[in-house]
């Protein structure tokens, strides 16, 4: 039982009325139990996934005659098996980084345009079209990338080779543009709606008093965004970027449709070849035997760990900068 003291004005100097109410309502107990159970269930599911992946990965690695981390080979049909994740880790990280470098600035710019620059008549249709892109299936992006994007990137690749080929990273030897750079461009288009949508909603939560105060002090529109909007939404932008990065790391069908895979790490990002964890699993899972599937599960465990590390790093960045973000407002 909880007691609440209610002041009364019926008589001067009279003691206040004491009202009692019960804190053990059935609805509160049910809600508390469901909330707690949901959190525990999520932890149990994550632990079960980690345990399953770890067990099957340990079985596969014990049969691997090569170095699992550094070998440029994936041959699980031989006896003994020889496979490694060096090429897959490189391709996954590089293509995701290219996607983030392209997508995040564009997504933040679109979100700022919709929330602070565009008139309402224009902002609503643009936001609707951007959100609609998130509903397009991955295989559709893959078919569009293979049939339209790949043939039309030859000119861009040639331009890169003419002006930046001396770097070695952007040299182009000709052929179809089925490279990690093409995959990065396609992934950037795919994660653009997610980053834009979340960033847009964060920018809309900026307190109007902050913007009006900056305008009253004579700030321009860009100065308002730089001093009030972006600092408030920094943690939201990081969270949106991590959501997009999660999709880029795990994208399967679009990458498998566009990329011309091999187990070599090319110096140039424009050379065909490479591979990613998700693409390799999708390509080899059907014909793989028991040992081959365990090897694919081992590569999936590495992707699982990379995802956890990325999200943990994002949480640390947000925690260190929360005094500049909306979490402290």
C-alpha atoms as a PDB file:
ATOM      1  CA  UNK A   1       0.000   0.000   0.000  1.00  0.00           C
ATOM      2  CA  UNK A   2       1.171   3.496  -0.849  1.00  0.00           C
ATOM      3  CA  UNK A   3       0.005   6.587   1.017  1.00  0.00           C
ATOM      4  CA  UNK A   4      -0.522   9.946  -0.660  1.00  0.00           C
ATOM      5  CA  UNK A   5      -1.011  13.105   1.435  1.00  0.00           C
ATOM      6  CA  UNK A   6      -3.651  15.437   0.052  1.00  0.00           C
ATOM      7  CA  UNK A   7      -3.715  19.014   1.345  1.00  0.00           C
ATOM      8  CA  UNK A   8      -7.199  20.379   2.104  1.00  0.00           C
ATOM      9  CA  UNK A   9      -8.501  23.880   2.617  1.00  0.00           C
ATOM     10  CA  UNK A  10     -11.662  22.939   4.526  1.00  0.00           C
ATOM     11  CA  UNK A  11     -10.496  24.199   7.881  1.00  0.00           C
ATOM     12  CA  UNK A  12      -7.465  26.162   8.927  1.00  0.00           C
ATOM     13  CA  UNK A  13      -4.996  24.147  10.866  1.00  0.00           C
ATOM     14  CA  UNK A  14      -6.764  20.841  10.296  1.00  0.00           C
ATOM     15  CA  UNK A  15      -4.538  17.877   9.427  1.00  0.00           C
ATOM     16  CA  UNK A  16      -4.329  16.894   5.728  1.00  0.00           C
ATOM     17  CA  UNK A  17      -6.360  13.999   4.476  1.00  0.00           C
ATOM     18  CA  UNK A  18      -4.482  10.775   3.918  1.00  0.00           C
ATOM     19  CA  UNK A  19      -5.519   8.784   0.844  1.00  0.00           C
ATOM     20  CA  UNK A  20      -4.293   5.249   0.234  1.00  0.00           C
ATOM     21  CA  UNK A  21      -4.022   3.455  -3.096  1.00  0.00           C
ATOM     22  CA  UNK A  22      -2.826   0.055  -4.138  1.00  0.00           C
ATOM     23  CA  UNK A  23       0.418  -0.342  -6.133  1.00  0.00           C
ATOM     24  CA  UNK A  24      -0.167  -3.969  -6.985  1.00  0.00           C
ATOM     25  CA  UNK A  25      -2.527  -3.548  -9.925  1.00  0.00           C
ATOM     26  CA  UNK A  26      -2.799  -6.592 -12.143  1.00  0.00           C
ATOM     27  CA  UNK A  27      -2.209  -4.590 -15.332  1.00  0.00           C
ATOM     28  CA  UNK A  28       1.070  -3.173 -14.007  1.00  0.00           C
ATOM     29  CA  UNK A  29       2.278  -6.610 -12.986  1.00  0.00           C
ATOM     30  CA  UNK A  30       1.387  -8.098 -16.377  1.00  0.00           C
ATOM     31  CA  UNK A  31       3.097  -5.270 -18.258  1.00  0.00           C
ATOM     32  CA  UNK A  32       6.206  -5.543 -16.079  1.00  0.00           C
ATOM     33  CA  UNK A  33       6.331  -9.293 -16.613  1.00  0.00           C
ATOM     34  CA  UNK A  34       5.901  -9.013 -20.388  1.00  0.00           C
ATOM     35  CA  UNK A  35       8.554  -6.286 -20.663  1.00  0.00           C
ATOM     36  CA  UNK A  36      11.033  -8.180 -18.548  1.00  0.00           C
ATOM     37  CA  UNK A  37      10.290 -11.428 -20.353  1.00  0.00           C
ATOM     38  CA  UNK A  38      10.798  -9.790 -23.747  1.00  0.00           C
ATOM     39  CA  UNK A  39      14.204  -8.487 -22.734  1.00  0.00           C
ATOM     40  CA  UNK A  40      15.275 -11.830 -21.320  1.00  0.00           C
ATOM     41  CA  UNK A  41      13.960 -13.677 -24.389  1.00  0.00           C
ATOM     42  CA  UNK A  42      16.007 -11.429 -26.667  1.00  0.00           C
ATOM     43  CA  UNK A  43      19.184 -12.140 -24.687  1.00  0.00           C
ATOM     44  CA  UNK A  44      18.455 -15.870 -24.722  1.00  0.00           C
ATOM     45  CA  UNK A  45      17.903 -15.849 -28.506  1.00  0.00           C
ATOM     46  CA  UNK A  46      21.148 -13.954 -29.101  1.00  0.00           C
ATOM     47  CA  UNK A  47      23.036 -16.323 -26.825  1.00  0.00           C
ATOM     48  CA  UNK A  48      21.524 -19.345 -28.594  1.00  0.00           C
ATOM     49  CA  UNK A  49      22.516 -17.980 -32.004  1.00  0.00           C
ATOM     50  CA  UNK A  50      26.066 -17.292 -30.791  1.00  0.00           C
ATOM     51  CA  UNK A  51      26.353 -20.752 -29.238  1.00  0.00           C
ATOM     52  CA  UNK A  52      25.082 -22.496 -32.382  1.00  0.00           C
ATOM     53  CA  UNK A  53      27.415 -20.560 -34.677  1.00  0.00           C
ATOM     54  CA  UNK A  54      30.377 -21.090 -32.362  1.00  0.00           C
ATOM     55  CA  UNK A  55      29.828 -24.844 -32.107  1.00  0.00           C
ATOM     56  CA  UNK A  56      29.431 -25.414 -35.846  1.00  0.00           C
ATOM     57  CA  UNK A  57      32.347 -23.074 -36.592  1.00  0.00           C
ATOM     58  CA  UNK A  58      34.590 -24.981 -34.185  1.00  0.00           C
ATOM     59  CA  UNK A  59      33.715 -28.239 -35.948  1.00  0.00           C
ATOM     60  CA  UNK A  60      34.583 -26.752 -39.350  1.00  0.00           C
ATOM     61  CA  UNK A  61      37.813 -25.074 -38.277  1.00  0.00           C
ATOM     62  CA  UNK A  62      39.024 -28.286 -36.665  1.00  0.00           C
ATOM     63  CA  UNK A  63      38.849 -29.932 -40.103  1.00  0.00           C
ATOM     64  CA  UNK A  64      40.465 -27.016 -41.957  1.00  0.00           C
ATOM     65  CA  UNK A  65      44.015 -27.713 -43.127  1.00  0.00           C
ATOM     66  CA  UNK A  66      44.604 -24.051 -44.014  1.00  0.00           C
ATOM     67  CA  UNK A  67      44.690 -20.881 -41.930  1.00  0.00           C
ATOM     68  CA  UNK A  68      41.080 -19.813 -41.479  1.00  0.00           C
ATOM     69  CA  UNK A  69      41.903 -16.109 -41.214  1.00  0.00           C
ATOM     70  CA  UNK A  70      44.538 -15.639 -43.922  1.00  0.00           C
ATOM     71  CA  UNK A  71      43.947 -18.249 -46.649  1.00  0.00           C
ATOM     72  CA  UNK A  72      42.897 -17.038 -50.130  1.00  0.00           C
ATOM     73  CA  UNK A  73      40.982 -20.199 -50.946  1.00  0.00           C
ATOM     74  CA  UNK A  74      37.569 -21.776 -50.463  1.00  0.00           C
ATOM     75  CA  UNK A  75      37.684 -25.479 -51.233  1.00  0.00           C
ATOM     76  CA  UNK A  76      35.375 -27.384 -48.898  1.00  0.00           C
ATOM     77  CA  UNK A  77      34.763 -30.264 -51.308  1.00  0.00           C
ATOM     78  CA  UNK A  78      38.285 -31.636 -51.071  1.00  0.00           C
ATOM     79  CA  UNK A  79      39.672 -33.948 -48.441  1.00  0.00           C
ATOM     80  CA  UNK A  80      41.089 -32.427 -46.345  1.00  0.00           C
ATOM     81  CA  UNK A  81      39.177 -29.149 -46.607  1.00  0.00           C
ATOM     82  CA  UNK A  82      41.036 -25.900 -47.205  1.00  0.00           C
ATOM     83  CA  UNK A  83      39.209 -22.600 -46.745  1.00  0.00           C
ATOM     84  CA  UNK A  84      39.792 -19.130 -45.385  1.00  0.00           C
ATOM     85  CA  UNK A  85      37.959 -15.829 -44.994  1.00  0.00           C
ATOM     86  CA  UNK A  86      40.643 -13.298 -45.956  1.00  0.00           C
ATOM     87  CA  UNK A  87      39.045 -12.397 -49.298  1.00  0.00           C
ATOM     88  CA  UNK A  88      35.517 -12.429 -47.863  1.00  0.00           C
ATOM     89  CA  UNK A  89      36.414 -10.152 -44.947  1.00  0.00           C
ATOM     90  CA  UNK A  90      38.211  -7.733 -47.258  1.00  0.00           C
ATOM     91  CA  UNK A  91      35.345  -7.615 -49.750  1.00  0.00           C
ATOM     92  CA  UNK A  92      32.667  -7.204 -47.079  1.00  0.00           C
ATOM     93  CA  UNK A  93      34.457  -4.371 -45.312  1.00  0.00           C
ATOM     94  CA  UNK A  94      35.567  -2.534 -48.463  1.00  0.00           C
ATOM     95  CA  UNK A  95      32.186  -2.652 -50.220  1.00  0.00           C
ATOM     96  CA  UNK A  96      30.410  -1.538 -47.031  1.00  0.00           C
ATOM     97  CA  UNK A  97      32.833   1.351 -46.496  1.00  0.00           C
ATOM     98  CA  UNK A  98      32.339   2.505 -50.102  1.00  0.00           C
ATOM     99  CA  UNK A  99      28.570   2.346 -49.597  1.00  0.00           C
ATOM    100  CA  UNK A 100      28.744   4.372 -46.386  1.00  0.00           C
ATOM    101  CA  UNK A 101      31.042   7.021 -47.869  1.00  0.00           C
ATOM    102  CA  UNK A 102      28.622   7.537 -50.745  1.00  0.00           C
ATOM    103  CA  UNK A 103      25.280   7.103 -48.971  1.00  0.00           C
ATOM    104  CA  UNK A 104      25.607   8.883 -45.610  1.00  0.00           C
ATOM    105  CA  UNK A 105      26.421  12.421 -46.866  1.00  0.00           C
ATOM    106  CA  UNK A 106      23.738  12.184 -49.554  1.00  0.00           C
ATOM    107  CA  UNK A 107      21.181  10.803 -47.087  1.00  0.00           C
ATOM    108  CA  UNK A 108      21.874  13.527 -44.524  1.00  0.00           C
ATOM    109  CA  UNK A 109      21.611  16.171 -47.248  1.00  0.00           C
ATOM    110  CA  UNK A 110      18.259  14.781 -48.435  1.00  0.00           C
ATOM    111  CA  UNK A 111      16.985  14.628 -44.847  1.00  0.00           C
ATOM    112  CA  UNK A 112      17.966  18.259 -44.225  1.00  0.00           C
ATOM    113  CA  UNK A 113      16.349  19.337 -47.500  1.00  0.00           C
ATOM    114  CA  UNK A 114      13.064  17.603 -46.622  1.00  0.00           C
ATOM    115  CA  UNK A 115      12.955  18.804 -43.010  1.00  0.00           C
ATOM    116  CA  UNK A 116      14.310  22.358 -43.294  1.00  0.00           C
ATOM    117  CA  UNK A 117      14.472  23.605 -46.867  1.00  0.00           C
ATOM    118  CA  UNK A 118      11.764  22.124 -49.076  1.00  0.00           C
ATOM    119  CA  UNK A 119       8.220  23.560 -48.982  1.00  0.00           C
ATOM    120  CA  UNK A 120       5.619  21.192 -47.580  1.00  0.00           C
ATOM    121  CA  UNK A 121       4.102  20.482 -51.003  1.00  0.00           C
ATOM    122  CA  UNK A 122       7.469  19.245 -52.247  1.00  0.00           C
ATOM    123  CA  UNK A 123       8.772  17.667 -49.045  1.00  0.00           C
ATOM    124  CA  UNK A 124       5.922  15.172 -48.675  1.00  0.00           C
ATOM    125  CA  UNK A 125       6.250  13.607 -52.173  1.00  0.00           C
ATOM    126  CA  UNK A 126      10.052  13.457 -51.928  1.00  0.00           C
ATOM    127  CA  UNK A 127       9.864  11.765 -48.516  1.00  0.00           C
ATOM    128  CA  UNK A 128       7.299   9.306 -49.859  1.00  0.00           C
ATOM    129  CA  UNK A 129       9.488   8.354 -52.831  1.00  0.00           C
ATOM    130  CA  UNK A 130      12.560   7.913 -50.609  1.00  0.00           C
ATOM    131  CA  UNK A 131      10.620   5.708 -48.188  1.00  0.00           C
ATOM    132  CA  UNK A 132       9.240   3.711 -51.108  1.00  0.00           C
ATOM    133  CA  UNK A 133      12.769   2.749 -52.142  1.00  0.00           C
ATOM    134  CA  UNK A 134      13.132   0.798 -48.898  1.00  0.00           C
ATOM    135  CA  UNK A 135      10.280  -1.507 -49.961  1.00  0.00           C
ATOM    136  CA  UNK A 136      11.988  -2.607 -53.188  1.00  0.00           C
ATOM    137  CA  UNK A 137      13.195  -6.251 -52.861  1.00  0.00           C
ATOM    138  CA  UNK A 138      16.913  -6.921 -52.935  1.00  0.00           C
ATOM    139  CA  UNK A 139      16.704  -9.105 -56.032  1.00  0.00           C
ATOM    140  CA  UNK A 140      15.137  -6.213 -57.953  1.00  0.00           C
ATOM    141  CA  UNK A 141      18.100  -4.021 -57.030  1.00  0.00           C
ATOM    142  CA  UNK A 142      20.389  -6.844 -58.101  1.00  0.00           C
ATOM    143  CA  UNK A 143      18.732  -7.240 -61.501  1.00  0.00           C
ATOM    144  CA  UNK A 144      18.785  -3.481 -62.057  1.00  0.00           C
ATOM    145  CA  UNK A 145      22.448  -3.387 -61.076  1.00  0.00           C
ATOM    146  CA  UNK A 146      23.409  -6.248 -63.379  1.00  0.00           C
ATOM    147  CA  UNK A 147      21.386  -5.116 -66.415  1.00  0.00           C
ATOM    148  CA  UNK A 148      21.663  -1.329 -66.142  1.00  0.00           C
ATOM    149  CA  UNK A 149      24.277  -0.174 -63.637  1.00  0.00           C
ATOM    150  CA  UNK A 150      27.127  -2.465 -64.694  1.00  0.00           C
ATOM    151  CA  UNK A 151      27.026  -1.564 -68.439  1.00  0.00           C
ATOM    152  CA  UNK A 152      26.743   2.165 -67.715  1.00  0.00           C
ATOM    153  CA  UNK A 153      29.684   2.340 -65.309  1.00  0.00           C
ATOM    154  CA  UNK A 154      32.289   1.691 -67.985  1.00  0.00           C
ATOM    155  CA  UNK A 155      32.579   5.402 -68.789  1.00  0.00           C
ATOM    156  CA  UNK A 156      33.037   6.303 -65.123  1.00  0.00           C
ATOM    157  CA  UNK A 157      35.658   3.577 -64.716  1.00  0.00           C
ATOM    158  CA  UNK A 158      37.522   4.871 -67.763  1.00  0.00           C
ATOM    159  CA  UNK A 159      37.478   8.404 -66.335  1.00  0.00           C
ATOM    160  CA  UNK A 160      38.845   7.118 -63.033  1.00  0.00           C
ATOM    161  CA  UNK A 161      41.624   5.308 -64.882  1.00  0.00           C
ATOM    162  CA  UNK A 162      42.531   8.388 -66.912  1.00  0.00           C
ATOM    163  CA  UNK A 163      42.801  10.765 -63.946  1.00  0.00           C
ATOM    164  CA  UNK A 164      43.312   8.553 -60.884  1.00  0.00           C
ATOM    165  CA  UNK A 165      44.725   5.358 -62.352  1.00  0.00           C
ATOM    166  CA  UNK A 166      48.197   6.335 -61.169  1.00  0.00           C
ATOM    167  CA  UNK A 167      47.106   5.587 -57.603  1.00  0.00           C
ATOM    168  CA  UNK A 168      46.671   1.891 -58.423  1.00  0.00           C
ATOM    169  CA  UNK A 169      43.474   1.776 -56.361  1.00  0.00           C
ATOM    170  CA  UNK A 170      41.335   3.168 -59.203  1.00  0.00           C
ATOM    171  CA  UNK A 171      43.087   1.721 -62.239  1.00  0.00           C
ATOM    172  CA  UNK A 172      40.897   0.010 -64.818  1.00  0.00           C
ATOM    173  CA  UNK A 173      41.987  -2.801 -67.134  1.00  0.00           C
ATOM    174  CA  UNK A 174      38.746  -3.061 -69.120  1.00  0.00           C
ATOM    175  CA  UNK A 175      35.998  -5.637 -69.006  1.00  0.00           C
ATOM    176  CA  UNK A 176      32.637  -5.718 -67.245  1.00  0.00           C
ATOM    177  CA  UNK A 177      32.317  -3.460 -64.223  1.00  0.00           C
ATOM    178  CA  UNK A 178      31.514  -6.309 -61.830  1.00  0.00           C
ATOM    179  CA  UNK A 179      33.786  -5.141 -59.046  1.00  0.00           C
ATOM    180  CA  UNK A 180      33.627  -4.210 -55.386  1.00  0.00           C
ATOM    181  CA  UNK A 181      33.260  -0.563 -56.350  1.00  0.00           C
ATOM    182  CA  UNK A 182      30.092  -1.362 -58.297  1.00  0.00           C
ATOM    183  CA  UNK A 183      28.812  -3.356 -55.336  1.00  0.00           C
ATOM    184  CA  UNK A 184      29.519  -0.367 -53.088  1.00  0.00           C
ATOM    185  CA  UNK A 185      27.506   1.947 -55.362  1.00  0.00           C
ATOM    186  CA  UNK A 186      24.593  -0.487 -55.423  1.00  0.00           C
ATOM    187  CA  UNK A 187      24.677  -0.913 -51.636  1.00  0.00           C
ATOM    188  CA  UNK A 188      24.742   2.869 -51.228  1.00  0.00           C
ATOM    189  CA  UNK A 189      21.505   3.127 -53.208  1.00  0.00           C
ATOM    190  CA  UNK A 190      19.964   0.358 -51.121  1.00  0.00           C
ATOM    191  CA  UNK A 191      20.809   1.844 -47.700  1.00  0.00           C
ATOM    192  CA  UNK A 192      19.982   5.416 -48.715  1.00  0.00           C
ATOM    193  CA  UNK A 193      16.264   5.193 -47.727  1.00  0.00           C
ATOM    194  CA  UNK A 194      17.047   3.833 -44.247  1.00  0.00           C
ATOM    195  CA  UNK A 195      19.614   6.491 -43.371  1.00  0.00           C
ATOM    196  CA  UNK A 196      17.469   9.258 -44.869  1.00  0.00           C
ATOM    197  CA  UNK A 197      14.281   8.224 -43.063  1.00  0.00           C
ATOM    198  CA  UNK A 198      15.841   7.961 -39.616  1.00  0.00           C
ATOM    199  CA  UNK A 199      17.876  11.166 -40.024  1.00  0.00           C
ATOM    200  CA  UNK A 200      14.795  13.050 -41.211  1.00  0.00           C
ATOM    201  CA  UNK A 201      12.804  12.049 -38.136  1.00  0.00           C
ATOM    202  CA  UNK A 202      15.702  13.036 -35.862  1.00  0.00           C
ATOM    203  CA  UNK A 203      15.999  16.466 -37.470  1.00  0.00           C
ATOM    204  CA  UNK A 204      12.281  17.024 -36.974  1.00  0.00           C
ATOM    205  CA  UNK A 205      12.743  16.560 -33.223  1.00  0.00           C
ATOM    206  CA  UNK A 206      15.119  19.511 -32.896  1.00  0.00           C
ATOM    207  CA  UNK A 207      13.557  21.996 -30.407  1.00  0.00           C
ATOM    208  CA  UNK A 208      12.188  24.984 -32.270  1.00  0.00           C
ATOM    209  CA  UNK A 209      13.505  27.254 -29.524  1.00  0.00           C
ATOM    210  CA  UNK A 210      17.057  26.354 -30.487  1.00  0.00           C
ATOM    211  CA  UNK A 211      16.498  27.258 -34.129  1.00  0.00           C
ATOM    212  CA  UNK A 212      14.534  30.420 -33.331  1.00  0.00           C
ATOM    213  CA  UNK A 213      17.198  31.557 -30.877  1.00  0.00           C
ATOM    214  CA  UNK A 214      19.906  31.139 -33.515  1.00  0.00           C
ATOM    215  CA  UNK A 215      17.827  33.023 -36.083  1.00  0.00           C
ATOM    216  CA  UNK A 216      17.181  35.801 -33.555  1.00  0.00           C
ATOM    217  CA  UNK A 217      20.934  36.188 -33.106  1.00  0.00           C
ATOM    218  CA  UNK A 218      21.322  36.732 -36.849  1.00  0.00           C
ATOM    219  CA  UNK A 219      22.414  33.270 -37.924  1.00  0.00           C
ATOM    220  CA  UNK A 220      21.838  32.180 -41.510  1.00  0.00           C
ATOM    221  CA  UNK A 221      19.915  29.043 -42.372  1.00  0.00           C
ATOM    222  CA  UNK A 222      23.134  27.062 -42.801  1.00  0.00           C
ATOM    223  CA  UNK A 223      24.502  28.379 -39.490  1.00  0.00           C
ATOM    224  CA  UNK A 224      21.290  27.277 -37.752  1.00  0.00           C
ATOM    225  CA  UNK A 225      21.734  23.785 -39.181  1.00  0.00           C
ATOM    226  CA  UNK A 226      25.429  23.693 -38.283  1.00  0.00           C
ATOM    227  CA  UNK A 227      25.043  25.021 -34.736  1.00  0.00           C
ATOM    228  CA  UNK A 228      21.623  23.697 -33.684  1.00  0.00           C
ATOM    229  CA  UNK A 229      20.345  20.923 -35.923  1.00  0.00           C
ATOM    230  CA  UNK A 230      23.431  18.789 -36.597  1.00  0.00           C
ATOM    231  CA  UNK A 231      24.725  18.781 -32.976  1.00  0.00           C
ATOM    232  CA  UNK A 232      21.280  17.745 -31.740  1.00  0.00           C
ATOM    233  CA  UNK A 233      20.939  15.001 -34.334  1.00  0.00           C
ATOM    234  CA  UNK A 234      24.499  13.650 -34.217  1.00  0.00           C
ATOM    235  CA  UNK A 235      23.609  10.529 -32.236  1.00  0.00           C
ATOM    236  CA  UNK A 236      20.610   9.929 -34.494  1.00  0.00           C
ATOM    237  CA  UNK A 237      22.781  10.194 -37.605  1.00  0.00           C
ATOM    238  CA  UNK A 238      25.215   7.671 -36.139  1.00  0.00           C
ATOM    239  CA  UNK A 239      22.362   5.311 -35.316  1.00  0.00           C
ATOM    240  CA  UNK A 240      20.920   5.694 -38.816  1.00  0.00           C
ATOM    241  CA  UNK A 241      24.324   5.027 -40.326  1.00  0.00           C
ATOM    242  CA  UNK A 242      24.703   1.863 -38.266  1.00  0.00           C
ATOM    243  CA  UNK A 243      21.312   0.625 -39.470  1.00  0.00           C
ATOM    244  CA  UNK A 244      22.427   1.202 -43.043  1.00  0.00           C
ATOM    245  CA  UNK A 245      25.788  -0.430 -42.387  1.00  0.00           C
ATOM    246  CA  UNK A 246      24.031  -3.477 -40.978  1.00  0.00           C
ATOM    247  CA  UNK A 247      22.136  -3.939 -44.225  1.00  0.00           C
ATOM    248  CA  UNK A 248      25.259  -3.322 -46.303  1.00  0.00           C
ATOM    249  CA  UNK A 249      27.242  -5.936 -44.360  1.00  0.00           C
ATOM    250  CA  UNK A 250      24.568  -8.594 -44.711  1.00  0.00           C
ATOM    251  CA  UNK A 251      23.213  -7.919 -48.195  1.00  0.00           C
ATOM    252  CA  UNK A 252      23.122 -11.120 -50.225  1.00  0.00           C
ATOM    253  CA  UNK A 253      21.150 -11.367 -53.454  1.00  0.00           C
ATOM    254  CA  UNK A 254      21.997  -7.970 -54.902  1.00  0.00           C
ATOM    255  CA  UNK A 255      25.716  -8.546 -54.326  1.00  0.00           C
ATOM    256  CA  UNK A 256      25.588 -12.088 -55.698  1.00  0.00           C
ATOM    257  CA  UNK A 257      23.846 -10.823 -58.856  1.00  0.00           C
ATOM    258  CA  UNK A 258      26.289  -8.001 -59.566  1.00  0.00           C
ATOM    259  CA  UNK A 259      29.666  -9.274 -58.374  1.00  0.00           C
ATOM    260  CA  UNK A 260      31.964 -11.546 -60.366  1.00  0.00           C
ATOM    261  CA  UNK A 261      33.469 -13.465 -57.413  1.00  0.00           C
ATOM    262  CA  UNK A 262      36.902 -14.978 -57.060  1.00  0.00           C
ATOM    263  CA  UNK A 263      39.287 -15.597 -54.177  1.00  0.00           C
ATOM    264  CA  UNK A 264      41.837 -12.937 -54.982  1.00  0.00           C
ATOM    265  CA  UNK A 265      42.360  -9.535 -53.422  1.00  0.00           C
ATOM    266  CA  UNK A 266      42.829  -7.129 -56.300  1.00  0.00           C
ATOM    267  CA  UNK A 267      44.856  -3.962 -55.836  1.00  0.00           C
ATOM    268  CA  UNK A 268      42.337  -1.900 -57.784  1.00  0.00           C
ATOM    269  CA  UNK A 269      38.772  -1.523 -56.585  1.00  0.00           C
ATOM    270  CA  UNK A 270      37.662  -1.432 -60.234  1.00  0.00           C
ATOM    271  CA  UNK A 271      38.948  -4.895 -61.162  1.00  0.00           C
ATOM    272  CA  UNK A 272      36.338  -7.662 -61.277  1.00  0.00           C
ATOM    273  CA  UNK A 273      36.500 -10.160 -58.460  1.00  0.00           C
ATOM    274  CA  UNK A 274      36.403 -10.388 -54.710  1.00  0.00           C
ATOM    275  CA  UNK A 275      33.607 -11.633 -52.525  1.00  0.00           C
ATOM    276  CA  UNK A 276      31.586 -11.005 -49.367  1.00  0.00           C
ATOM    277  CA  UNK A 277      30.428 -13.231 -46.537  1.00  0.00           C
ATOM    278  CA  UNK A 278      26.746 -13.104 -47.441  1.00  0.00           C
ATOM    279  CA  UNK A 279      27.355 -13.555 -51.164  1.00  0.00           C
ATOM    280  CA  UNK A 280      29.631 -16.556 -50.554  1.00  0.00           C
ATOM    281  CA  UNK A 281      27.086 -18.232 -48.273  1.00  0.00           C
ATOM    282  CA  UNK A 282      24.282 -17.732 -50.793  1.00  0.00           C
ATOM    283  CA  UNK A 283      26.402 -19.010 -53.670  1.00  0.00           C
ATOM    284  CA  UNK A 284      27.759 -22.176 -52.014  1.00  0.00           C
ATOM    285  CA  UNK A 285      25.147 -23.246 -49.472  1.00  0.00           C
ATOM    286  CA  UNK A 286      22.965 -25.285 -51.840  1.00  0.00           C
ATOM    287  CA  UNK A 287      25.651 -27.601 -53.164  1.00  0.00           C
ATOM    288  CA  UNK A 288      27.724 -27.741 -49.970  1.00  0.00           C
ATOM    289  CA  UNK A 289      27.941 -30.940 -47.952  1.00  0.00           C
ATOM    290  CA  UNK A 290      27.905 -31.156 -44.179  1.00  0.00           C
ATOM    291  CA  UNK A 291      31.501 -30.001 -43.843  1.00  0.00           C
ATOM    292  CA  UNK A 292      30.997 -27.253 -46.395  1.00  0.00           C
ATOM    293  CA  UNK A 293      27.937 -25.953 -44.554  1.00  0.00           C
ATOM    294  CA  UNK A 294      29.864 -25.889 -41.297  1.00  0.00           C
ATOM    295  CA  UNK A 295      32.541 -23.845 -43.074  1.00  0.00           C
ATOM    296  CA  UNK A 296      29.911 -21.410 -44.322  1.00  0.00           C
ATOM    297  CA  UNK A 297      28.498 -21.166 -40.800  1.00  0.00           C
ATOM    298  CA  UNK A 298      32.012 -20.362 -39.569  1.00  0.00           C
ATOM    299  CA  UNK A 299      32.181 -17.465 -42.019  1.00  0.00           C
ATOM    300  CA  UNK A 300      28.736 -16.402 -40.810  1.00  0.00           C
ATOM    301  CA  UNK A 301      30.079 -16.323 -37.254  1.00  0.00           C
ATOM    302  CA  UNK A 302      32.781 -13.889 -38.354  1.00  0.00           C
ATOM    303  CA  UNK A 303      30.123 -11.664 -39.935  1.00  0.00           C
ATOM    304  CA  UNK A 304      28.117 -11.906 -36.704  1.00  0.00           C
ATOM    305  CA  UNK A 305      31.129 -10.780 -34.675  1.00  0.00           C
ATOM    306  CA  UNK A 306      31.885  -7.918 -37.084  1.00  0.00           C
ATOM    307  CA  UNK A 307      28.291  -6.699 -36.767  1.00  0.00           C
ATOM    308  CA  UNK A 308      28.463  -6.797 -32.962  1.00  0.00           C
ATOM    309  CA  UNK A 309      31.765  -4.902 -32.953  1.00  0.00           C
ATOM    310  CA  UNK A 310      30.423  -2.236 -35.303  1.00  0.00           C
ATOM    311  CA  UNK A 311      27.311  -1.693 -33.199  1.00  0.00           C
ATOM    312  CA  UNK A 312      29.354  -1.648 -30.002  1.00  0.00           C
ATOM    313  CA  UNK A 313      31.663   0.981 -31.458  1.00  0.00           C
ATOM    314  CA  UNK A 314      28.644   3.048 -32.496  1.00  0.00           C
ATOM    315  CA  UNK A 315      27.221   2.898 -28.960  1.00  0.00           C
ATOM    316  CA  UNK A 316      30.566   4.045 -27.546  1.00  0.00           C
ATOM    317  CA  UNK A 317      30.678   6.992 -29.951  1.00  0.00           C
ATOM    318  CA  UNK A 318      27.124   7.992 -29.043  1.00  0.00           C
ATOM    319  CA  UNK A 319      27.860   7.703 -25.312  1.00  0.00           C
ATOM    320  CA  UNK A 320      30.969   9.881 -25.582  1.00  0.00           C
ATOM    321  CA  UNK A 321      29.140  12.572 -27.538  1.00  0.00           C
ATOM    322  CA  UNK A 322      25.734  12.502 -25.860  1.00  0.00           C
ATOM    323  CA  UNK A 323      26.340  15.835 -24.172  1.00  0.00           C
ATOM    324  CA  UNK A 324      26.301  17.432 -27.645  1.00  0.00           C
ATOM    325  CA  UNK A 325      23.278  15.517 -28.893  1.00  0.00           C
ATOM    326  CA  UNK A 326      19.580  15.410 -28.317  1.00  0.00           C
ATOM    327  CA  UNK A 327      19.978  12.914 -25.487  1.00  0.00           C
ATOM    328  CA  UNK A 328      21.135  15.736 -23.253  1.00  0.00           C
ATOM    329  CA  UNK A 329      18.564  18.256 -24.411  1.00  0.00           C
END
